[in-house]
PDB file of N, CA and C in Angstrom:
ATOM      1  N   MET A   1     -83.149  41.531  60.924  1.00  0.00           N
ATOM      2  CA  MET A   1     -83.012  42.564  59.911  1.00  0.00           C
ATOM      3  C   MET A   1     -84.369  42.735  59.219  1.00  0.00           C
ATOM      4  N   THR A   2     -84.899  43.926  59.325  1.00  0.00           N
ATOM      5  CA  THR A   2     -86.179  44.227  58.685  1.00  0.00           C
ATOM      6  C   THR A   2     -85.968  45.226  57.564  1.00  0.00           C
ATOM      7  N   ILE A   3     -86.859  45.162  56.606  1.00  0.00           N
ATOM      8  CA  ILE A   3     -86.797  46.103  55.495  1.00  0.00           C
ATOM      9  C   ILE A   3     -87.636  47.326  55.869  1.00  0.00           C
ATOM     10  N   GLU A   4     -86.961  48.463  55.947  1.00  0.00           N
ATOM     11  CA  GLU A   4     -87.656  49.699  56.292  1.00  0.00           C
ATOM     12  C   GLU A   4     -88.246  50.303  55.025  1.00  0.00           C
ATOM     13  N   THR A   5     -89.456  50.794  55.142  1.00  0.00           N
ATOM     14  CA  THR A   5     -90.102  51.420  53.997  1.00  0.00           C
ATOM     15  C   THR A   5     -90.404  52.888  54.295  1.00  0.00           C
ATOM     16  N   VAL A   6     -90.572  53.639  53.225  1.00  0.00           N
ATOM     17  CA  VAL A   6     -90.834  55.071  53.306  1.00  0.00           C
ATOM     18  C   VAL A   6     -92.058  55.364  52.444  1.00  0.00           C
ATOM     19  N   LYS A   7     -92.935  56.204  52.934  1.00  0.00           N
ATOM     20  CA  LYS A   7     -94.086  56.624  52.137  1.00  0.00           C
ATOM     21  C   LYS A   7     -93.747  57.941  51.459  1.00  0.00           C
ATOM     22  N   LEU A   8     -94.002  57.998  50.156  1.00  0.00           N
ATOM     23  CA  LEU A   8     -93.740  59.192  49.368  1.00  0.00           C
ATOM     24  C   LEU A   8     -95.061  59.726  48.836  1.00  0.00           C
ATOM     25  N   ILE A   9     -95.170  61.049  48.790  1.00  0.00           N
ATOM     26  CA  ILE A   9     -96.381  61.685  48.277  1.00  0.00           C
ATOM     27  C   ILE A   9     -96.011  62.529  47.070  1.00  0.00           C
ATOM     28  N   ASN A  10     -96.863  62.463  46.048  1.00  0.00           N
ATOM     29  CA  ASN A  10     -96.639  63.232  44.837  1.00  0.00           C
ATOM     30  C   ASN A  10     -97.192  64.634  45.047  1.00  0.00           C
ATOM     31  N   ASP A  11     -96.366  65.642  44.791  1.00  0.00           N
ATOM     32  CA  ASP A  11     -96.767  67.023  45.019  1.00  0.00           C
ATOM     33  C   ASP A  11     -97.822  67.486  44.009  1.00  0.00           C
ATOM     34  N   LYS A  12     -97.871  66.877  42.838  1.00  0.00           N
ATOM     35  CA  LYS A  12     -98.782  67.315  41.790  1.00  0.00           C
ATOM     36  C   LYS A  12    -100.196  66.795  42.000  1.00  0.00           C
ATOM     37  N   ASN A  13    -100.336  65.477  42.212  1.00  0.00           N
ATOM     38  CA  ASN A  13    -101.683  64.920  42.291  1.00  0.00           C
ATOM     39  C   ASN A  13    -102.022  64.304  43.641  1.00  0.00           C
ATOM     40  N   GLY A  14    -101.102  64.271  44.586  1.00  0.00           N
ATOM     41  CA  GLY A  14    -101.397  63.809  45.935  1.00  0.00           C
ATOM     42  C   GLY A  14    -101.393  62.308  46.132  1.00  0.00           C
ATOM     43  N   SER A  15    -100.966  61.539  45.131  1.00  0.00           N
ATOM     44  CA  SER A  15    -100.947  60.086  45.293  1.00  0.00           C
ATOM     45  C   SER A  15     -99.794  59.680  46.212  1.00  0.00           C
ATOM     46  N   ILE A  16     -99.989  58.574  46.937  1.00  0.00           N
ATOM     47  CA  ILE A  16     -99.009  58.106  47.903  1.00  0.00           C
ATOM     48  C   ILE A  16     -98.514  56.729  47.481  1.00  0.00           C
ATOM     49  N   ILE A  17     -97.174  56.547  47.513  1.00  0.00           N
ATOM     50  CA  ILE A  17     -96.584  55.242  47.219  1.00  0.00           C
ATOM     51  C   ILE A  17     -95.655  54.859  48.356  1.00  0.00           C
ATOM     52  N   GLU A  18     -95.304  53.586  48.423  1.00  0.00           N
ATOM     53  CA  GLU A  18     -94.419  53.099  49.473  1.00  0.00           C
ATOM     54  C   GLU A  18     -93.216  52.438  48.802  1.00  0.00           C
ATOM     55  N   ARG A  19     -92.016  52.842  49.196  1.00  0.00           N
ATOM     56  CA  ARG A  19     -90.788  52.308  48.615  1.00  0.00           C
ATOM     57  C   ARG A  19     -89.813  51.956  49.733  1.00  0.00           C
ATOM     58  N   LYS A  20     -88.790  51.185  49.390  1.00  0.00           N
ATOM     59  CA  LYS A  20     -87.752  50.830  50.367  1.00  0.00           C
ATOM     60  C   LYS A  20     -86.955  52.082  50.712  1.00  0.00           C
ATOM     61  N   LYS A  21     -86.591  52.198  51.979  1.00  0.00           N
ATOM     62  CA  LYS A  21     -85.861  53.377  52.449  1.00  0.00           C
ATOM     63  C   LYS A  21     -84.501  53.489  51.779  1.00  0.00           C
ATOM     64  N   VAL A  22     -83.857  52.361  51.561  1.00  0.00           N
ATOM     65  CA  VAL A  22     -82.530  52.355  50.930  1.00  0.00           C
ATOM     66  C   VAL A  22     -82.630  52.894  49.508  1.00  0.00           C
ATOM     67  N   ASP A  23     -83.651  52.473  48.762  1.00  0.00           N
ATOM     68  CA  ASP A  23     -83.827  52.950  47.389  1.00  0.00           C
ATOM     69  C   ASP A  23     -84.084  54.449  47.355  1.00  0.00           C
ATOM     70  N   TYR A  24     -84.867  54.945  48.302  1.00  0.00           N
ATOM     71  CA  TYR A  24     -85.174  56.375  48.343  1.00  0.00           C
ATOM     72  C   TYR A  24     -83.930  57.187  48.681  1.00  0.00           C
ATOM     73  N   GLU A  25     -83.183  56.760  49.699  1.00  0.00           N
ATOM     74  CA  GLU A  25     -82.015  57.537  50.134  1.00  0.00           C
ATOM     75  C   GLU A  25     -80.939  57.604  49.063  1.00  0.00           C
ATOM     76  N   ASN A  26     -80.795  56.554  48.265  1.00  0.00           N
ATOM     77  CA  ASN A  26     -79.783  56.559  47.207  1.00  0.00           C
ATOM     78  C   ASN A  26     -80.172  57.455  46.033  1.00  0.00           C
ATOM     79  N   ASN A  27     -81.453  57.719  45.873  1.00  0.00           N
ATOM     80  CA  ASN A  27     -81.918  58.474  44.708  1.00  0.00           C
ATOM     81  C   ASN A  27     -82.813  59.649  45.097  1.00  0.00           C
ATOM     82  N   ILE A  28     -82.446  60.358  46.163  1.00  0.00           N
ATOM     83  CA  ILE A  28     -83.270  61.480  46.637  1.00  0.00           C
ATOM     84  C   ILE A  28     -83.437  62.546  45.554  1.00  0.00           C
ATOM     85  N   ASN A  29     -82.363  62.869  44.833  1.00  0.00           N
ATOM     86  CA  ASN A  29     -82.435  63.916  43.808  1.00  0.00           C
ATOM     87  C   ASN A  29     -83.426  63.559  42.707  1.00  0.00           C
ATOM     88  N   ILE A  30     -83.422  62.321  42.265  1.00  0.00           N
ATOM     89  CA  ILE A  30     -84.324  61.894  41.202  1.00  0.00           C
ATOM     90  C   ILE A  30     -85.773  61.965  41.666  1.00  0.00           C
ATOM     91  N   TRP A  31     -86.029  61.505  42.904  1.00  0.00           N
ATOM     92  CA  TRP A  31     -87.397  61.531  43.430  1.00  0.00           C
ATOM     93  C   TRP A  31     -87.920  62.962  43.528  1.00  0.00           C
ATOM     94  N   THR A  32     -87.074  63.891  43.990  1.00  0.00           N
ATOM     95  CA  THR A  32     -87.533  65.273  44.133  1.00  0.00           C
ATOM     96  C   THR A  32     -87.731  65.933  42.773  1.00  0.00           C
ATOM     97  N   GLN A  33     -86.920  65.604  41.789  1.00  0.00           N
ATOM     98  CA  GLN A  33     -87.099  66.161  40.452  1.00  0.00           C
ATOM     99  C   GLN A  33     -88.414  65.699  39.839  1.00  0.00           C
ATOM    100  N   ARG A  34     -88.823  64.499  40.164  1.00  0.00           N
ATOM    101  CA  ARG A  34     -90.066  63.953  39.615  1.00  0.00           C
ATOM    102  C   ARG A  34     -91.291  64.371  40.420  1.00  0.00           C
ATOM    103  N   GLY A  35     -91.096  65.166  41.475  1.00  0.00           N
ATOM    104  CA  GLY A  35     -92.218  65.718  42.217  1.00  0.00           C
ATOM    105  C   GLY A  35     -92.634  64.900  43.428  1.00  0.00           C
ATOM    106  N   TRP A  36     -91.781  64.024  43.942  1.00  0.00           N
ATOM    107  CA  TRP A  36     -92.103  63.204  45.108  1.00  0.00           C
ATOM    108  C   TRP A  36     -91.385  63.744  46.333  1.00  0.00           C
ATOM    109  N   SER A  37     -92.031  63.672  47.486  1.00  0.00           N
ATOM    110  CA  SER A  37     -91.416  64.072  48.744  1.00  0.00           C
ATOM    111  C   SER A  37     -91.880  63.113  49.831  1.00  0.00           C
ATOM    112  N   LEU A  38     -91.213  63.159  50.979  1.00  0.00           N
ATOM    113  CA  LEU A  38     -91.581  62.272  52.077  1.00  0.00           C
ATOM    114  C   LEU A  38     -92.963  62.625  52.604  1.00  0.00           C
ATOM    115  N   HIS A  39     -93.752  61.602  52.860  1.00  0.00           N
ATOM    116  CA  HIS A  39     -95.100  61.795  53.403  1.00  0.00           C
ATOM    117  C   HIS A  39     -94.985  61.917  54.914  1.00  0.00           C
ATOM    118  N   ASP A  40     -95.548  62.995  55.466  1.00  0.00           N
ATOM    119  CA  ASP A  40     -95.409  63.257  56.892  1.00  0.00           C
ATOM    120  C   ASP A  40     -96.482  62.573  57.730  1.00  0.00           C
ATOM    121  N   GLY A  41     -97.402  61.843  57.113  1.00  0.00           N
ATOM    122  CA  GLY A  41     -98.406  61.110  57.857  1.00  0.00           C
ATOM    123  C   GLY A  41     -99.712  61.856  58.052  1.00  0.00           C
ATOM    124  N   LYS A  42     -99.783  63.102  57.611  1.00  0.00           N
ATOM    125  CA  LYS A  42    -101.019  63.867  57.728  1.00  0.00           C
ATOM    126  C   LYS A  42    -102.002  63.398  56.661  1.00  0.00           C
ATOM    127  N   ALA A  43    -103.264  63.565  56.942  1.00  0.00           N
ATOM    128  CA  ALA A  43    -104.298  63.163  55.986  1.00  0.00           C
ATOM    129  C   ALA A  43    -104.223  64.065  54.758  1.00  0.00           C
ATOM    130  N   VAL A  44    -104.417  63.477  53.620  1.00  0.00           N
ATOM    131  CA  VAL A  44    -104.368  64.211  52.367  1.00  0.00           C
ATOM    132  C   VAL A  44    -105.761  64.704  52.031  1.00  0.00           C
ATOM    133  N   LYS A  45    -105.871  66.001  51.730  1.00  0.00           N
ATOM    134  CA  LYS A  45    -107.163  66.567  51.365  1.00  0.00           C
ATOM    135  C   LYS A  45    -107.489  66.164  49.928  1.00  0.00           C
ATOM    136  N   ALA A  46    -108.683  65.705  49.726  1.00  0.00           N
ATOM    137  CA  ALA A  46    -109.121  65.369  48.377  1.00  0.00           C
ATOM    138  C   ALA A  46    -109.394  66.662  47.623  1.00  0.00           C
ATOM    139  N   LYS A  47    -108.918  66.719  46.409  1.00  0.00           N
ATOM    140  CA  LYS A  47    -109.124  67.913  45.607  1.00  0.00           C
ATOM    141  C   LYS A  47    -110.566  67.925  45.118  1.00  0.00           C
ATOM    142  N   THR A  48    -111.213  69.040  45.328  1.00  0.00           N
ATOM    143  CA  THR A  48    -112.579  69.180  44.850  1.00  0.00           C
ATOM    144  C   THR A  48    -112.547  70.012  43.582  1.00  0.00           C
ATOM    145  N   GLU A  49    -113.100  69.440  42.537  1.00  0.00           N
ATOM    146  CA  GLU A  49    -113.110  70.138  41.262  1.00  0.00           C
ATOM    147  C   GLU A  49    -114.443  70.859  41.103  1.00  0.00           C
ATOM    148  N   THR A  50    -114.370  72.117  40.705  1.00  0.00           N
ATOM    149  CA  THR A  50    -115.587  72.875  40.476  1.00  0.00           C
ATOM    150  C   THR A  50    -116.110  72.536  39.081  1.00  0.00           C
ATOM    151  N   PRO A  51    -117.403  72.388  38.938  1.00  0.00           N
ATOM    152  CA  PRO A  51    -117.941  72.056  37.613  1.00  0.00           C
ATOM    153  C   PRO A  51    -117.730  73.210  36.643  1.00  0.00           C
ATOM    154  N   VAL A  52    -117.382  72.872  35.446  1.00  0.00           N
ATOM    155  CA  VAL A  52    -117.122  73.873  34.421  1.00  0.00           C
ATOM    156  C   VAL A  52    -118.437  74.208  33.731  1.00  0.00           C
ATOM    157  N   LYS A  53    -118.693  75.486  33.599  1.00  0.00           N
ATOM    158  CA  LYS A  53    -119.921  75.914  32.947  1.00  0.00           C
ATOM    159  C   LYS A  53    -119.828  75.624  31.455  1.00  0.00           C
ATOM    160  N   ALA A  54    -120.919  75.139  30.899  1.00  0.00           N
ATOM    161  CA  ALA A  54    -120.954  74.837  29.469  1.00  0.00           C
ATOM    162  C   ALA A  54    -120.977  76.142  28.676  1.00  0.00           C
ATOM    163  N   VAL A  55    -120.163  76.190  27.659  1.00  0.00           N
ATOM    164  CA  VAL A  55    -120.078  77.374  26.820  1.00  0.00           C
ATOM    165  C   VAL A  55    -120.971  77.150  25.607  1.00  0.00           C
ATOM    166  N   LYS A  56    -121.858  78.105  25.361  1.00  0.00           N
ATOM    167  CA  LYS A  56    -122.738  77.984  24.211  1.00  0.00           C
ATOM    168  C   LYS A  56    -121.966  78.294  22.943  1.00  0.00           C
ATOM    169  N   LYS A  57    -122.191  77.462  21.953  1.00  0.00           N
ATOM    170  CA  LYS A  57    -121.495  77.633  20.692  1.00  0.00           C
ATOM    171  C   LYS A  57    -122.306  78.589  19.816  1.00  0.00           C
ATOM    172  N   VAL A  58    -121.676  79.631  19.329  1.00  0.00           N
ATOM    173  CA  VAL A  58    -122.338  80.629  18.514  1.00  0.00           C
ATOM    174  C   VAL A  58    -122.033  80.326  17.055  1.00  0.00           C
ATOM    175  N   VAL A  59    -123.102  80.176  16.274  1.00  0.00           N
ATOM    176  CA  VAL A  59    -122.940  79.899  14.850  1.00  0.00           C
ATOM    177  C   VAL A  59    -123.430  81.113  14.081  1.00  0.00           C
ATOM    178  N   LYS A  60    -122.548  81.669  13.285  1.00  0.00           N
ATOM    179  CA  LYS A  60    -122.913  82.820  12.471  1.00  0.00           C
ATOM    180  C   LYS A  60    -123.312  82.341  11.083  1.00  0.00           C
ATOM    181  N   LYS A  61    -124.397  82.896  10.592  1.00  0.00           N
ATOM    182  CA  LYS A  61    -124.811  82.549   9.247  1.00  0.00           C
ATOM    183  C   LYS A  61    -124.121  83.499   8.278  1.00  0.00           C
ATOM    184  N   VAL A  62    -123.550  82.911   7.262  1.00  0.00           N
ATOM    185  CA  VAL A  62    -122.857  83.709   6.260  1.00  0.00           C
ATOM    186  C   VAL A  62    -123.674  83.649   4.980  1.00  0.00           C
ATOM    187  N   THR A  63    -124.039  84.798   4.472  1.00  0.00           N
ATOM    188  CA  THR A  63    -124.786  84.841   3.220  1.00  0.00           C
ATOM    189  C   THR A  63    -123.814  85.081   2.090  1.00  0.00           C
ATOM    190  N   LYS A  64    -124.011  84.321   1.032  1.00  0.00           N
ATOM    191  CA  LYS A  64    -123.128  84.474  -0.124  1.00  0.00           C
ATOM    192  C   LYS A  64    -123.618  85.636  -0.985  1.00  0.00           C
ATOM    193  N   LYS A  65    -122.690  86.375  -1.511  1.00  0.00           N
ATOM    194  CA  LYS A  65    -123.030  87.464  -2.406  1.00  0.00           C
ATOM    195  C   LYS A  65    -123.410  86.892  -3.765  1.00  0.00           C
ATOM    196  N   LYS A  66    -124.429  87.462  -4.339  1.00  0.00           N
ATOM    197  CA  LYS A  66    -124.880  87.005  -5.654  1.00  0.00           C
ATOM    198  C   LYS A  66    -123.962  87.595  -6.714  1.00  0.00           C
ATOM    199  N   LYS A  67    -123.673  86.780  -7.699  1.00  0.00           N
ATOM    200  CA  LYS A  67    -122.846  87.256  -8.798  1.00  0.00           C
ATOM    201  C   LYS A  67    -123.717  88.062  -9.746  1.00  0.00           C
ATOM    202  N   THR A  68    -123.182  89.178 -10.163  1.00  0.00           N
ATOM    203  CA  THR A  68    -123.911  90.018 -11.107  1.00  0.00           C
ATOM    204  C   THR A  68    -123.400  89.739 -12.504  1.00  0.00           C
ATOM    205  N   LYS A  69    -124.297  89.734 -13.462  1.00  0.00           N
ATOM    206  CA  LYS A  69    -123.928  89.512 -14.865  1.00  0.00           C
ATOM    207  C   LYS A  69    -123.716  90.846 -15.526  1.00  0.00           C
ATOM    208  N   LYS A  70    -122.671  90.920 -16.339  1.00  0.00           N
ATOM    209  CA  LYS A  70    -122.392  92.153 -17.081  1.00  0.00           C
ATOM    210  C   LYS A  70    -122.755  92.002 -18.510  1.00  0.00           C
TER     211      LYS A  70
END
């Protein structure tokens, strides 16, 4: 008797975990709600993040109005 395992992949971030097949089959609905699905064995593409351009901060000078004496 061997313990069968299943690889699961997260649909959001691509991480892969390994769990017992019995645990997965008993709780398929919970796993899918949390964004996990069966890993088909294909290589996972690494997400490439594009660098974000720095936004220049604009500072406006505010001049105070002078009070006039009456």
